[in-house]
Amino acid sequence: MSDATPSKKEWMGPDDVAELLGISKRLVLDLWRAGVLPGVKLSRKRIRFRRAAIEEKLAALTEGKR
């Protein structure tokens, strides 16, 4: 076991991503299905998103909009 406890969740569910991005859970899932948001399907009803990947994707999408 690791003694280090991260201050932010490394893996997030669709609700967490929606809150982070300020969008609906439904839109998060639609963007994931379209391949816009990177995520991992763990089971029929469980999808997880890595926080760092979401933040990187967001930065890449907003980089050209200065």
Protein backbone atom coordinates (compact mmCIF):
# COMPACT_ATOMS: atom_id res chain seq x y z
CA MET A 1 0.00 0.00 0.00
CA SER A 2 1.07 3.52 -0.68
CA ASP A 3 1.28 6.13 2.06
CA ALA A 4 0.70 8.95 -0.40
CA THR A 5 -2.91 10.03 -0.67
CA PRO A 6 -3.66 12.13 -3.76
CA SER A 7 -5.59 15.32 -3.11
CA LYS A 8 -7.67 14.81 -6.28
CA LYS A 9 -9.24 11.62 -7.54
CA GLU A 10 -7.10 10.07 -10.27
CA TRP A 11 -10.08 8.22 -11.79
CA MET A 12 -13.50 9.84 -12.10
CA GLY A 13 -16.98 8.77 -13.07
CA PRO A 14 -19.17 10.61 -15.59
CA ASP A 15 -20.78 12.68 -12.80
CA ASP A 16 -17.36 13.91 -11.63
CA VAL A 17 -16.29 14.79 -15.17
CA ALA A 18 -19.56 16.64 -15.77
CA GLU A 19 -19.00 18.70 -12.63
CA LEU A 20 -15.37 19.40 -13.56
CA LEU A 21 -16.31 20.58 -17.06
CA GLY A 22 -19.59 22.28 -16.14
CA ILE A 23 -21.66 20.15 -18.51
CA SER A 24 -24.31 17.46 -18.12
CA LYS A 25 -23.57 13.79 -17.47
CA ARG A 26 -25.40 12.97 -20.68
CA LEU A 27 -23.10 15.24 -22.68
CA VAL A 28 -20.04 13.63 -21.05
CA LEU A 29 -21.28 10.20 -22.16
CA ASP A 30 -22.11 11.47 -25.65
CA LEU A 31 -18.61 12.96 -25.99
CA TRP A 32 -17.07 9.70 -24.76
CA ARG A 33 -19.09 7.65 -27.29
CA ALA A 34 -17.98 10.04 -30.05
CA GLY A 35 -14.33 9.58 -29.05
CA VAL A 36 -13.86 13.18 -27.92
CA LEU A 37 -13.30 12.32 -24.25
CA PRO A 38 -10.93 9.46 -23.39
CA GLY A 39 -12.41 6.92 -20.98
CA VAL A 40 -12.35 3.26 -20.05
CA LYS A 41 -15.43 1.05 -19.98
CA LEU A 42 -15.01 -1.28 -17.01
CA SER A 43 -18.36 -3.04 -17.24
CA ARG A 44 -21.73 -2.64 -18.89
CA LYS A 45 -22.65 0.30 -16.67
CA ARG A 46 -19.29 1.56 -15.38
CA ILE A 47 -17.07 4.03 -17.24
CA ARG A 48 -14.08 5.78 -15.70
CA PHE A 49 -12.08 8.75 -16.88
CA ARG A 50 -8.52 9.54 -15.84
CA ARG A 51 -8.39 13.12 -14.51
CA ALA A 52 -5.05 13.87 -16.17
CA ALA A 53 -6.32 12.71 -19.58
CA ILE A 54 -9.43 14.88 -19.28
CA GLU A 55 -7.38 17.91 -18.25
CA GLU A 56 -4.93 17.32 -21.14
CA LYS A 57 -7.79 17.00 -23.63
CA LEU A 58 -9.42 20.17 -22.31
CA ALA A 59 -6.12 22.06 -22.59
CA ALA A 60 -5.62 20.82 -26.17
CA LEU A 61 -9.15 21.85 -27.17
CA THR A 62 -8.89 25.32 -25.64
CA GLU A 63 -5.29 25.98 -26.73
CA GLY A 64 -6.28 27.27 -30.16
CA LYS A 65 -9.07 29.53 -28.83
CA ARG A 66 -6.94 32.33 -27.40
